[in-house]
C-alpha atoms as a PDB file:
ATOM      1  CA  MET A   1      26.743 -21.430   9.874  1.00  0.00           C
ATOM      2  CA  THR A   2      26.244 -17.652   9.746  1.00  0.00           C
ATOM      3  CA  SER A   3      23.448 -15.558   8.251  1.00  0.00           C
ATOM      4  CA  LYS A   4      25.617 -15.358   5.141  1.00  0.00           C
ATOM      5  CA  HIS A   5      25.483 -19.131   4.784  1.00  0.00           C
ATOM      6  CA  ILE A   6      21.719 -19.135   5.326  1.00  0.00           C
ATOM      7  CA  ASN A   7      21.460 -16.521   2.568  1.00  0.00           C
ATOM      8  CA  GLU A   8      23.428 -18.854   0.307  1.00  0.00           C
ATOM      9  CA  ILE A   9      20.968 -21.631   1.142  1.00  0.00           C
ATOM     10  CA  LEU A  10      18.120 -19.269   0.285  1.00  0.00           C
ATOM     11  CA  LEU A  11      19.659 -18.321  -3.053  1.00  0.00           C
ATOM     12  CA  LEU A  12      20.100 -22.006  -3.892  1.00  0.00           C
ATOM     13  CA  SER A  13      16.508 -22.665  -2.853  1.00  0.00           C
ATOM     14  CA  ILE A  14      15.157 -19.838  -5.018  1.00  0.00           C
ATOM     15  CA  GLU A  15      17.132 -21.114  -7.995  1.00  0.00           C
ATOM     16  CA  SER A  16      15.907 -24.662  -7.355  1.00  0.00           C
ATOM     17  CA  LYS A  17      12.287 -23.433  -6.979  1.00  0.00           C
ATOM     18  CA  TYR A  18      11.835 -24.812  -3.472  1.00  0.00           C
ATOM     19  CA  SER A  19       8.695 -23.468  -1.803  1.00  0.00           C
ATOM     20  CA  ASP A  20       9.743 -23.660   1.873  1.00  0.00           C
ATOM     21  CA  ILE A  21      12.963 -23.951   3.897  1.00  0.00           C
ATOM     22  CA  HIS A  22      12.905 -25.814   7.233  1.00  0.00           C
ATOM     23  CA  LEU A  23      15.481 -24.814   9.865  1.00  0.00           C
ATOM     24  CA  SER A  24      15.030 -26.685  13.128  1.00  0.00           C
ATOM     25  CA  ALA A  25      17.372 -27.042  16.097  1.00  0.00           C
ATOM     26  CA  SER A  26      19.125 -30.467  16.134  1.00  0.00           C
ATOM     27  CA  GLU A  27      18.022 -31.160  12.528  1.00  0.00           C
ATOM     28  CA  ARG A  28      19.656 -30.914   9.134  1.00  0.00           C
ATOM     29  CA  ILE A  29      18.370 -28.313   6.672  1.00  0.00           C
ATOM     30  CA  HIS A  30      15.327 -29.407   4.695  1.00  0.00           C
ATOM     31  CA  ALA A  31      13.166 -27.909   1.953  1.00  0.00           C
ATOM     32  CA  ARG A  32       9.843 -28.614   0.315  1.00  0.00           C
ATOM     33  CA  HIS A  33      10.177 -29.330  -3.388  1.00  0.00           C
ATOM     34  CA  LYS A  34       7.188 -30.207  -5.573  1.00  0.00           C
ATOM     35  CA  GLY A  35       5.205 -31.203  -2.520  1.00  0.00           C
ATOM     36  CA  SER A  36       7.828 -33.377  -0.779  1.00  0.00           C
ATOM     37  CA  ILE A  37      10.329 -32.645   2.006  1.00  0.00           C
ATOM     38  CA  ILE A  38      13.958 -33.198   0.982  1.00  0.00           C
ATOM     39  CA  THR A  39      17.329 -32.759   2.739  1.00  0.00           C
ATOM     40  CA  ILE A  40      19.396 -29.992   1.132  1.00  0.00           C
ATOM     41  CA  SER A  41      22.315 -29.801   3.600  1.00  0.00           C
ATOM     42  CA  ASP A  42      23.908 -32.170   6.106  1.00  0.00           C
ATOM     43  CA  PHE A  43      24.701 -29.260   8.411  1.00  0.00           C
ATOM     44  CA  THR A  44      22.896 -29.532  11.770  1.00  0.00           C
ATOM     45  CA  ILE A  45      21.147 -26.346  12.875  1.00  0.00           C
ATOM     46  CA  ASN A  46      21.154 -25.002  16.446  1.00  0.00           C
ATOM     47  CA  ASP A  47      19.332 -22.122  18.138  1.00  0.00           C
ATOM     48  CA  ASP A  48      22.158 -19.630  17.613  1.00  0.00           C
ATOM     49  CA  TYR A  49      21.924 -19.802  13.826  1.00  0.00           C
ATOM     50  CA  ILE A  50      18.180 -19.231  13.927  1.00  0.00           C
ATOM     51  CA  ILE A  51      18.474 -16.361  16.434  1.00  0.00           C
ATOM     52  CA  ASN A  52      21.143 -14.643  14.314  1.00  0.00           C
ATOM     53  CA  PHE A  53      19.019 -14.848  11.163  1.00  0.00           C
ATOM     54  CA  VAL A  54      15.827 -13.662  12.853  1.00  0.00           C
ATOM     55  CA  THR A  55      17.597 -10.827  14.684  1.00  0.00           C
ATOM     56  CA  GLU A  56      19.008  -9.533  11.389  1.00  0.00           C
ATOM     57  CA  THR A  57      15.787  -9.830   9.379  1.00  0.00           C
ATOM     58  CA  PHE A  58      12.961  -9.091  11.829  1.00  0.00           C
ATOM     59  CA  PRO A  59      11.365  -5.680  11.185  1.00  0.00           C
ATOM     60  CA  GLY A  60      11.102  -3.343  14.171  1.00  0.00           C
ATOM     61  CA  ASP A  61      12.225  -3.859  17.743  1.00  0.00           C
ATOM     62  CA  SER A  62       9.436  -5.995  19.256  1.00  0.00           C
ATOM     63  CA  LEU A  63      10.979  -9.431  18.619  1.00  0.00           C
ATOM     64  CA  ASN A  64      10.133 -11.947  21.360  1.00  0.00           C
ATOM     65  CA  LEU A  65      11.916 -15.278  20.952  1.00  0.00           C
ATOM     66  CA  THR A  66       9.611 -16.964  23.458  1.00  0.00           C
ATOM     67  CA  LYS A  67       6.512 -16.513  21.289  1.00  0.00           C
ATOM     68  CA  ASP A  68       5.445 -17.751  17.860  1.00  0.00           C
ATOM     69  CA  THR A  69       6.265 -15.001  15.385  1.00  0.00           C
ATOM     70  CA  ASP A  70       5.300 -14.327  11.759  1.00  0.00           C
ATOM     71  CA  TYR A  71       6.851 -11.651   9.593  1.00  0.00           C
ATOM     72  CA  ALA A  72       7.835 -10.853   6.030  1.00  0.00           C
ATOM     73  CA  TYR A  73      11.334 -10.014   4.831  1.00  0.00           C
ATOM     74  CA  ASN A  74      12.246  -8.537   1.438  1.00  0.00           C
ATOM     75  CA  PHE A  75      15.140 -10.798   0.459  1.00  0.00           C
ATOM     76  CA  ASN A  76      15.690  -9.132  -2.922  1.00  0.00           C
ATOM     77  CA  LYS A  77      13.640  -7.276  -5.539  1.00  0.00           C
ATOM     78  CA  ASP A  78      12.097 -10.513  -6.835  1.00  0.00           C
ATOM     79  CA  THR A  79      11.586 -12.435  -3.589  1.00  0.00           C
ATOM     80  CA  VAL A  80       9.757 -11.890  -0.305  1.00  0.00           C
ATOM     81  CA  LEU A  81      10.261 -14.376   2.534  1.00  0.00           C
ATOM     82  CA  ARG A  82       7.391 -15.230   4.863  1.00  0.00           C
ATOM     83  CA  VAL A  83       9.064 -16.290   8.095  1.00  0.00           C
ATOM     84  CA  ASN A  84       7.504 -18.277  10.941  1.00  0.00           C
ATOM     85  CA  LEU A  85       9.465 -18.693  14.190  1.00  0.00           C
ATOM     86  CA  PHE A  86       8.340 -21.232  16.782  1.00  0.00           C
ATOM     87  CA  ARG A  87       9.635 -23.286  19.707  1.00  0.00           C
ATOM     88  CA  HIS A  88       9.687 -27.089  19.922  1.00  0.00           C
ATOM     89  CA  ASN A  89      11.086 -29.780  22.215  1.00  0.00           C
ATOM     90  CA  PHE A  90      14.685 -29.333  20.986  1.00  0.00           C
ATOM     91  CA  GLY A  91      14.739 -25.531  20.743  1.00  0.00           C
ATOM     92  CA  LEU A  92      13.803 -23.096  17.996  1.00  0.00           C
ATOM     93  CA  GLY A  93      12.348 -23.777  14.584  1.00  0.00           C
ATOM     94  CA  LEU A  94      12.061 -21.573  11.520  1.00  0.00           C
ATOM     95  CA  ILE A  95       9.950 -22.091   8.403  1.00  0.00           C
ATOM     96  CA  ILE A  96      10.756 -19.766   5.531  1.00  0.00           C
ATOM     97  CA  ARG A  97       8.204 -19.593   2.699  1.00  0.00           C
ATOM     98  CA  ILE A  98       9.725 -18.294  -0.538  1.00  0.00           C
ATOM     99  CA  LEU A  99       7.338 -15.915  -2.287  1.00  0.00           C
ATOM    100  CA  ASN A 100       8.405 -15.105  -5.817  1.00  0.00           C
ATOM    101  CA  GLN A 101       7.198 -11.653  -6.818  1.00  0.00           C
ATOM    102  CA  ASN A 102       6.775 -12.629 -10.472  1.00  0.00           C
ATOM    103  CA  ILE A 103       2.981 -12.845 -10.619  1.00  0.00           C
ATOM    104  CA  ILE A 104       1.538 -15.550 -12.884  1.00  0.00           C
ATOM    105  CA  ASP A 105      -0.659 -14.162 -15.672  1.00  0.00           C
ATOM    106  CA  LEU A 106      -4.199 -15.536 -15.700  1.00  0.00           C
ATOM    107  CA  ASN A 107      -3.662 -16.550 -19.337  1.00  0.00           C
ATOM    108  CA  ASP A 108      -1.201 -19.159 -18.066  1.00  0.00           C
ATOM    109  CA  TYR A 109      -3.888 -20.992 -16.049  1.00  0.00           C
ATOM    110  CA  ASP A 110      -5.768 -23.842 -17.670  1.00  0.00           C
ATOM    111  CA  ASN A 111      -9.027 -22.195 -16.538  1.00  0.00           C
ATOM    112  CA  GLY A 112      -7.665 -18.721 -17.214  1.00  0.00           C
ATOM    113  CA  GLU A 113     -10.634 -17.451 -19.246  1.00  0.00           C
ATOM    114  CA  VAL A 114     -13.017 -18.416 -16.449  1.00  0.00           C
ATOM    115  CA  LEU A 115     -10.795 -16.760 -13.821  1.00  0.00           C
ATOM    116  CA  LYS A 116     -10.715 -13.584 -15.916  1.00  0.00           C
ATOM    117  CA  ARG A 117     -14.508 -13.503 -16.168  1.00  0.00           C
ATOM    118  CA  ILE A 118     -14.793 -13.978 -12.409  1.00  0.00           C
ATOM    119  CA  SER A 119     -12.312 -11.132 -11.855  1.00  0.00           C
ATOM    120  CA  GLU A 120     -14.526  -8.815 -13.907  1.00  0.00           C
ATOM    121  CA  TYR A 121     -17.306  -8.837 -11.294  1.00  0.00           C
ATOM    122  CA  LYS A 122     -17.848  -5.512  -9.553  1.00  0.00           C
ATOM    123  CA  LYS A 123     -19.290  -6.851  -6.300  1.00  0.00           C
ATOM    124  CA  GLY A 124     -19.779 -10.039  -4.334  1.00  0.00           C
ATOM    125  CA  LEU A 125     -17.614 -12.599  -2.553  1.00  0.00           C
ATOM    126  CA  ILE A 126     -14.940 -14.621  -4.367  1.00  0.00           C
ATOM    127  CA  LEU A 127     -13.313 -17.386  -2.320  1.00  0.00           C
ATOM    128  CA  LEU A 128     -10.023 -19.153  -3.075  1.00  0.00           C
ATOM    129  CA  ALA A 129     -10.205 -22.444  -1.182  1.00  0.00           C
ATOM    130  CA  GLY A 130      -7.739 -25.225  -0.455  1.00  0.00           C
ATOM    131  CA  SER A 131      -5.459 -26.662   2.184  1.00  0.00           C
ATOM    132  CA  THR A 132      -1.944 -25.393   2.973  1.00  0.00           C
ATOM    133  CA  ASN A 133       0.523 -25.282   0.042  1.00  0.00           C
ATOM    134  CA  THR A 134      -2.108 -25.489  -2.697  1.00  0.00           C
ATOM    135  CA  GLY A 135      -1.394 -22.159  -4.380  1.00  0.00           C
ATOM    136  CA  LYS A 136      -4.430 -20.226  -3.123  1.00  0.00           C
ATOM    137  CA  SER A 137      -2.437 -17.041  -2.548  1.00  0.00           C
ATOM    138  CA  THR A 138      -0.748 -17.395  -5.945  1.00  0.00           C
ATOM    139  CA  THR A 139      -4.085 -17.569  -7.757  1.00  0.00           C
ATOM    140  CA  LEU A 140      -5.448 -14.714  -5.643  1.00  0.00           C
ATOM    141  CA  SER A 141      -2.447 -12.546  -6.577  1.00  0.00           C
ATOM    142  CA  SER A 142      -2.976 -13.346 -10.265  1.00  0.00           C
ATOM    143  CA  MET A 143      -6.615 -12.251 -10.066  1.00  0.00           C
ATOM    144  CA  VAL A 144      -5.794  -9.065  -8.153  1.00  0.00           C
ATOM    145  CA  ASP A 145      -3.048  -8.223 -10.649  1.00  0.00           C
ATOM    146  CA  TYR A 146      -5.508  -8.760 -13.516  1.00  0.00           C
ATOM    147  CA  ILE A 147      -7.885  -6.226 -11.933  1.00  0.00           C
ATOM    148  CA  ASN A 148      -5.026  -3.846 -11.145  1.00  0.00           C
ATOM    149  CA  LYS A 149      -3.862  -3.717 -14.754  1.00  0.00           C
ATOM    150  CA  ARG A 150      -7.321  -3.187 -16.257  1.00  0.00           C
ATOM    151  CA  LYS A 151      -9.575  -1.221 -13.921  1.00  0.00           C
ATOM    152  CA  ASN A 152      -9.540   2.309 -12.509  1.00  0.00           C
ATOM    153  CA  VAL A 153     -10.493   1.203  -9.015  1.00  0.00           C
ATOM    154  CA  HIS A 154      -9.249   1.348  -5.425  1.00  0.00           C
ATOM    155  CA  ILE A 155      -7.933  -2.025  -4.182  1.00  0.00           C
ATOM    156  CA  LEU A 156      -7.187  -2.625  -0.513  1.00  0.00           C
ATOM    157  CA  THR A 157      -5.331  -5.770   0.558  1.00  0.00           C
ATOM    158  CA  ILE A 158      -5.330  -7.017   4.152  1.00  0.00           C
ATOM    159  CA  GLU A 159      -2.644  -9.604   4.852  1.00  0.00           C
ATOM    160  CA  GLU A 160      -0.625 -11.198   7.658  1.00  0.00           C
ATOM    161  CA  PRO A 161       2.055 -10.604   6.514  1.00  0.00           C
ATOM    162  CA  ILE A 162       2.046  -8.844   3.114  1.00  0.00           C
ATOM    163  CA  GLU A 163       3.190 -11.482   0.622  1.00  0.00           C
ATOM    164  CA  THR A 164       3.000  -9.921  -2.839  1.00  0.00           C
ATOM    165  CA  ILE A 165       3.998  -6.321  -3.473  1.00  0.00           C
ATOM    166  CA  PHE A 166       1.781  -5.130  -6.331  1.00  0.00           C
ATOM    167  CA  LYS A 167       3.120  -2.585  -8.799  1.00  0.00           C
ATOM    168  CA  ARG A 168       0.861   0.303  -9.670  1.00  0.00           C
ATOM    169  CA  GLY A 169      -1.344  -0.361 -12.702  1.00  0.00           C
ATOM    170  CA  LYS A 170      -4.592   1.406 -13.512  1.00  0.00           C
ATOM    171  CA  ALA A 171      -5.775   0.839  -9.960  1.00  0.00           C
ATOM    172  CA  ILE A 172      -4.783   2.488  -6.714  1.00  0.00           C
ATOM    173  CA  ILE A 173      -3.543  -0.275  -4.380  1.00  0.00           C
ATOM    174  CA  ASN A 174      -3.090   0.127  -0.639  1.00  0.00           C
ATOM    175  CA  GLN A 175      -1.696  -2.848   1.286  1.00  0.00           C
ATOM    176  CA  ARG A 176      -2.214  -3.222   5.046  1.00  0.00           C
ATOM    177  CA  GLU A 177      -0.520  -5.727   7.314  1.00  0.00           C
ATOM    178  CA  VAL A 178      -2.344  -7.110  10.339  1.00  0.00           C
ATOM    179  CA  GLY A 179      -0.319  -6.446  13.478  1.00  0.00           C
ATOM    180  CA  LYS A 180       1.621  -3.645  11.807  1.00  0.00           C
ATOM    181  CA  HIS A 181      -0.918  -1.307  10.214  1.00  0.00           C
ATOM    182  CA  VAL A 182      -4.135  -2.601  11.778  1.00  0.00           C
ATOM    183  CA  SER A 183      -5.026  -4.820  14.735  1.00  0.00           C
ATOM    184  CA  SER A 184      -7.157  -7.443  12.948  1.00  0.00           C
ATOM    185  CA  PHE A 185      -8.619  -8.506   9.592  1.00  0.00           C
ATOM    186  CA  GLU A 186     -12.145  -7.538  10.645  1.00  0.00           C
ATOM    187  CA  ASP A 187     -11.066  -4.081  11.843  1.00  0.00           C
ATOM    188  CA  ALA A 188      -9.407  -3.433   8.493  1.00  0.00           C
ATOM    189  CA  ILE A 189     -12.516  -4.588   6.598  1.00  0.00           C
ATOM    190  CA  TYR A 190     -14.858  -2.371   8.615  1.00  0.00           C
ATOM    191  CA  SER A 191     -12.456   0.528   8.149  1.00  0.00           C
ATOM    192  CA  ALA A 192     -12.384  -0.133   4.385  1.00  0.00           C
ATOM    193  CA  LEU A 193     -16.105   0.568   4.209  1.00  0.00           C
ATOM    194  CA  ARG A 194     -15.220   4.223   4.934  1.00  0.00           C
ATOM    195  CA  GLU A 195     -12.219   4.387   2.590  1.00  0.00           C
ATOM    196  CA  ASP A 196     -13.903   4.506  -0.838  1.00  0.00           C
ATOM    197  CA  VAL A 197     -12.660   0.995  -1.654  1.00  0.00           C
ATOM    198  CA  ASP A 198     -13.894  -1.027  -4.648  1.00  0.00           C
ATOM    199  CA  VAL A 199     -12.009  -4.298  -4.080  1.00  0.00           C
ATOM    200  CA  ILE A 200     -11.129  -5.717  -0.656  1.00  0.00           C
ATOM    201  CA  VAL A 201      -8.586  -8.552  -0.616  1.00  0.00           C
ATOM    202  CA  VAL A 202      -8.592 -10.618   2.587  1.00  0.00           C
ATOM    203  CA  GLY A 203      -5.456 -12.719   3.001  1.00  0.00           C
ATOM    204  CA  GLU A 204      -7.288 -15.423   4.950  1.00  0.00           C
ATOM    205  CA  ILE A 205     -10.678 -15.927   6.581  1.00  0.00           C
ATOM    206  CA  ARG A 206      -9.830 -17.673   9.844  1.00  0.00           C
ATOM    207  CA  ASN A 207     -12.708 -16.892  12.145  1.00  0.00           C
ATOM    208  CA  ARG A 208     -16.334 -15.859  12.410  1.00  0.00           C
ATOM    209  CA  GLU A 209     -15.558 -12.168  12.901  1.00  0.00           C
ATOM    210  CA  THR A 210     -13.534 -11.899   9.689  1.00  0.00           C
ATOM    211  CA  LEU A 211     -16.173 -13.842   7.774  1.00  0.00           C
ATOM    212  CA  ARG A 212     -18.992 -11.673   9.134  1.00  0.00           C
ATOM    213  CA  ALA A 213     -17.133  -8.514   8.083  1.00  0.00           C
ATOM    214  CA  SER A 214     -16.392  -9.977   4.636  1.00  0.00           C
ATOM    215  CA  LEU A 215     -20.050 -10.862   4.051  1.00  0.00           C
ATOM    216  CA  LEU A 216     -21.099  -7.371   5.107  1.00  0.00           C
ATOM    217  CA  ALA A 217     -18.593  -5.789   2.728  1.00  0.00           C
ATOM    218  CA  ALA A 218     -19.830  -7.949  -0.148  1.00  0.00           C
ATOM    219  CA  GLU A 219     -23.446  -7.229   0.793  1.00  0.00           C
ATOM    220  CA  THR A 220     -22.813  -3.468   0.698  1.00  0.00           C
ATOM    221  CA  GLY A 221     -21.563  -3.525  -2.892  1.00  0.00           C
ATOM    222  CA  HIS A 222     -17.831  -4.257  -2.635  1.00  0.00           C
ATOM    223  CA  LEU A 223     -15.917  -7.012  -4.392  1.00  0.00           C
ATOM    224  CA  VAL A 224     -14.291  -9.152  -1.692  1.00  0.00           C
ATOM    225  CA  ILE A 225     -11.635 -11.696  -2.672  1.00  0.00           C
ATOM    226  CA  ALA A 226     -10.417 -13.976   0.116  1.00  0.00           C
ATOM    227  CA  THR A 227      -8.751 -17.304   0.828  1.00  0.00           C
ATOM    228  CA  ILE A 228     -10.142 -19.956   3.156  1.00  0.00           C
ATOM    229  CA  HIS A 229      -8.839 -23.336   4.312  1.00  0.00           C
ATOM    230  CA  THR A 230     -11.188 -26.046   3.027  1.00  0.00           C
ATOM    231  CA  TYR A 231     -10.828 -29.181   0.915  1.00  0.00           C
ATOM    232  CA  SER A 232     -13.464 -28.626  -1.784  1.00  0.00           C
ATOM    233  CA  ALA A 233     -15.789 -25.998  -3.159  1.00  0.00           C
ATOM    234  CA  ILE A 234     -18.857 -27.660  -1.616  1.00  0.00           C
ATOM    235  CA  LYS A 235     -17.133 -28.001   1.773  1.00  0.00           C
ATOM    236  CA  THR A 236     -16.390 -24.282   1.599  1.00  0.00           C
ATOM    237  CA  ILE A 237     -20.101 -23.484   1.646  1.00  0.00           C
ATOM    238  CA  ASP A 238     -20.644 -25.789   4.616  1.00  0.00           C
ATOM    239  CA  ARG A 239     -17.672 -24.325   6.473  1.00  0.00           C
ATOM    240  CA  ILE A 240     -18.946 -20.777   6.022  1.00  0.00           C
ATOM    241  CA  ILE A 241     -22.366 -21.707   7.388  1.00  0.00           C
ATOM    242  CA  ASN A 242     -20.876 -23.675  10.295  1.00  0.00           C
ATOM    243  CA  PHE A 243     -18.792 -20.704  11.409  1.00  0.00           C
ATOM    244  CA  PHE A 244     -22.032 -19.393  12.902  1.00  0.00           C
ATOM    245  CA  PRO A 245     -24.301 -20.742  15.659  1.00  0.00           C
ATOM    246  CA  GLY A 246     -27.465 -22.584  14.624  1.00  0.00           C
ATOM    247  CA  ASP A 247     -29.848 -19.687  15.199  1.00  0.00           C
ATOM    248  CA  GLU A 248     -27.863 -17.466  12.808  1.00  0.00           C
ATOM    249  CA  GLN A 249     -27.384 -20.030  10.030  1.00  0.00           C
ATOM    250  CA  PRO A 250     -30.653 -19.415   8.102  1.00  0.00           C
ATOM    251  CA  LEU A 251     -29.787 -15.715   7.748  1.00  0.00           C
ATOM    252  CA  VAL A 252     -26.192 -16.536   6.781  1.00  0.00           C
ATOM    253  CA  ARG A 253     -27.476 -18.900   4.075  1.00  0.00           C
ATOM    254  CA  GLU A 254     -29.669 -16.117   2.744  1.00  0.00           C
ATOM    255  CA  VAL A 255     -26.828 -13.591   2.699  1.00  0.00           C
ATOM    256  CA  LEU A 256     -24.348 -16.066   1.169  1.00  0.00           C
ATOM    257  CA  SER A 257     -26.817 -17.110  -1.530  1.00  0.00           C
ATOM    258  CA  GLU A 258     -27.094 -13.459  -2.593  1.00  0.00           C
ATOM    259  CA  THR A 259     -23.486 -12.284  -2.206  1.00  0.00           C
ATOM    260  CA  LEU A 260     -21.420 -15.280  -3.318  1.00  0.00           C
ATOM    261  CA  THR A 261     -19.839 -14.748  -6.719  1.00  0.00           C
ATOM    262  CA  ALA A 262     -17.575 -17.788  -7.061  1.00  0.00           C
ATOM    263  CA  ILE A 263     -15.590 -20.415  -5.198  1.00  0.00           C
ATOM    264  CA  ILE A 264     -12.322 -21.638  -6.682  1.00  0.00           C
ATOM    265  CA  SER A 265     -11.023 -24.679  -4.832  1.00  0.00           C
ATOM    266  CA  GLN A 266      -7.634 -25.985  -5.847  1.00  0.00           C
ATOM    267  CA  ASP A 267      -4.870 -28.463  -5.217  1.00  0.00           C
ATOM    268  CA  LEU A 268      -1.399 -28.831  -6.732  1.00  0.00           C
ATOM    269  CA  ILE A 269      -0.180 -31.898  -8.640  1.00  0.00           C
ATOM    270  CA  LEU A 270       2.711 -32.823 -10.934  1.00  0.00           C
ATOM    271  CA  ASP A 271       2.056 -32.954 -14.671  1.00  0.00           C
ATOM    272  CA  ASN A 272       3.671 -35.173 -17.307  1.00  0.00           C
ATOM    273  CA  VAL A 273       6.958 -33.241 -17.270  1.00  0.00           C
ATOM    274  CA  GLY A 274       7.201 -32.826 -13.500  1.00  0.00           C
ATOM    275  CA  SER A 275       5.913 -29.264 -13.295  1.00  0.00           C
ATOM    276  CA  VAL A 276       3.544 -28.260 -10.516  1.00  0.00           C
ATOM    277  CA  ILE A 277       0.085 -27.301 -11.823  1.00  0.00           C
ATOM    278  CA  PRO A 278      -3.226 -26.468 -10.113  1.00  0.00           C
ATOM    279  CA  ILE A 279      -6.271 -28.726 -10.261  1.00  0.00           C
ATOM    280  CA  GLN A 280      -9.321 -26.534  -9.782  1.00  0.00           C
ATOM    281  CA  GLU A 281     -12.970 -26.925  -8.908  1.00  0.00           C
ATOM    282  CA  ILE A 282     -15.052 -23.848  -9.704  1.00  0.00           C
ATOM    283  CA  ILE A 283     -18.549 -22.919  -8.558  1.00  0.00           C
ATOM    284  CA  ILE A 284     -20.081 -19.776 -10.041  1.00  0.00           C
ATOM    285  CA  ASN A 285     -23.231 -18.536  -8.393  1.00  0.00           C
ATOM    286  CA  ASN A 286     -26.405 -18.523 -10.493  1.00  0.00           C
ATOM    287  CA  ASN A 287     -30.103 -18.853  -9.694  1.00  0.00           C
ATOM    288  CA  ALA A 288     -29.917 -22.627  -9.268  1.00  0.00           C
ATOM    289  CA  VAL A 289     -26.810 -22.548  -7.036  1.00  0.00           C
ATOM    290  CA  SER A 290     -28.218 -19.657  -5.024  1.00  0.00           C
ATOM    291  CA  ASN A 291     -31.453 -21.551  -4.380  1.00  0.00           C
ATOM    292  CA  LEU A 292     -29.572 -24.678  -3.220  1.00  0.00           C
ATOM    293  CA  ILE A 293     -27.469 -22.632  -0.798  1.00  0.00           C
ATOM    294  CA  ARG A 294     -30.550 -20.881   0.575  1.00  0.00           C
ATOM    295  CA  THR A 295     -32.488 -24.134   1.081  1.00  0.00           C
ATOM    296  CA  ASN A 296     -29.583 -26.071   2.640  1.00  0.00           C
ATOM    297  CA  LYS A 297     -29.143 -28.404  -0.332  1.00  0.00           C
ATOM    298  CA  SER A 298     -25.534 -27.628  -1.236  1.00  0.00           C
ATOM    299  CA  LEU A 299     -24.778 -31.332  -1.794  1.00  0.00           C
ATOM    300  CA  GLN A 300     -26.817 -31.065  -5.008  1.00  0.00           C
ATOM    301  CA  ILE A 301     -24.573 -28.339  -6.459  1.00  0.00           C
ATOM    302  CA  PRO A 302     -22.219 -30.797  -8.264  1.00  0.00           C
ATOM    303  CA  SER A 303     -25.197 -31.869 -10.399  1.00  0.00           C
ATOM    304  CA  ILE A 304     -25.741 -28.234 -11.409  1.00  0.00           C
ATOM    305  CA  MET A 305     -22.033 -27.891 -12.195  1.00  0.00           C
ATOM    306  CA  GLN A 306     -22.147 -30.851 -14.573  1.00  0.00           C
ATOM    307  CA  LEU A 307     -25.447 -29.913 -16.232  1.00  0.00           C
ATOM    308  CA  ASP A 308     -24.651 -26.229 -16.743  1.00  0.00           C
ATOM    309  CA  ASN A 309     -20.998 -25.527 -17.535  1.00  0.00           C
ATOM    310  CA  THR A 310     -21.686 -22.513 -19.742  1.00  0.00           C
ATOM    311  CA  LEU A 311     -20.454 -20.179 -16.995  1.00  0.00           C
ATOM    312  CA  GLY A 312     -17.221 -22.120 -16.593  1.00  0.00           C
ATOM    313  CA  MET A 313     -18.172 -24.245 -13.590  1.00  0.00           C
ATOM    314  CA  ILE A 314     -16.120 -27.414 -13.362  1.00  0.00           C
ATOM    315  CA  THR A 315     -15.722 -30.237 -10.864  1.00  0.00           C
ATOM    316  CA  ARG A 316     -12.303 -31.472  -9.765  1.00  0.00           C
ATOM    317  CA  LYS A 317     -12.947 -34.791 -11.516  1.00  0.00           C
ATOM    318  CA  ASP A 318     -13.872 -33.068 -14.784  1.00  0.00           C
ATOM    319  CA  HIS A 319     -10.814 -30.809 -14.639  1.00  0.00           C
ATOM    320  CA  ILE A 320      -8.567 -33.849 -14.219  1.00  0.00           C
ATOM    321  CA  ARG A 321     -10.301 -35.520 -17.172  1.00  0.00           C
ATOM    322  CA  LYS A 322      -9.772 -32.375 -19.247  1.00  0.00           C
ATOM    323  CA  LEU A 323      -6.039 -32.351 -18.446  1.00  0.00           C
ATOM    324  CA  ILE A 324      -5.757 -36.044 -19.306  1.00  0.00           C
ATOM    325  CA  ASN A 325      -7.479 -35.452 -22.650  1.00  0.00           C
ATOM    326  CA  ASN A 326      -5.152 -32.575 -23.593  1.00  0.00           C
ATOM    327  CA  GLY A 327      -2.049 -34.559 -22.633  1.00  0.00           C
ATOM    328  CA  THR A 328      -1.094 -32.561 -19.553  1.00  0.00           C
ATOM    329  CA  LEU A 329      -1.655 -35.558 -17.263  1.00  0.00           C
ATOM    330  CA  PRO A 330      -1.033 -39.254 -18.027  1.00  0.00           C
ATOM    331  CA  ASP A 331      -3.976 -41.548 -18.783  1.00  0.00           C
ATOM    332  CA  SER A 332      -3.148 -43.484 -15.622  1.00  0.00           C
ATOM    333  CA  TYR A 333      -3.707 -40.458 -13.336  1.00  0.00           C
ATOM    334  CA  GLN A 334      -6.371 -41.086 -10.723  1.00  0.00           C
END
């Protein structure tokens, strides 16, 4: 199999709406489709095929096949590939994430009106939460695109690698890639504070330093939109606090209670017709939520979400019930 054949596999995968391609030495070719891994070719991959593909697509001249490597590759005008190269017990492995550049309009989300209202905020911290392959980056791109098309602002994205190439709208958009344009997420955030930026988009909060910089940016009047790996909106609050040592946590609670705008936690499921849709849990900060964060009583927030849904707050359970009632999900869905 040559790079040409891998390109044919990629074209088939794009047409079939696979999300990821798995190429692994001594294995057949697999893909992730609607959440499950399937075999898409009986051909057995070896290191040479992976090396040929990576050598042809890797940007620059610093490729090191002995180290884990992440990079983005513009496959065509509608598709960017996020490529991860790694080594395993049988040789090389390659995971190719297919990133369609057709951004989903917020009107197409079930909670689209709420997401639009959240995107209208001028400052604060908006977090897109969820585990891997739950569409966090897709929702983030939709929100950024909404702002881009409607506001005369300066948007700076910080990603590793750049996944969505935004077209110029009303906003000025500058996109920086960690490892290529800047050394780290936190360095880019601190630099943004001197770059007349209105909206800072952080591809992923992975560590305390990035979180600290994001909180500072939100505290100083910027709108910060970021993704974070957690399993629920409430767990997101706990995870943020637990990034810091015990003696810093009271201050972090205070800062978070004042700067948090919203948390959108989501997962992906199949609807009645087999399409992949997001299930979302949304917390929007208000006086009651802010007080519970400050006083270390975040476990009581779901009660606030159920009692006061005028802002658009919704629990995962209530969103599922809503989709069952409108016929999107079957009555038997649990």
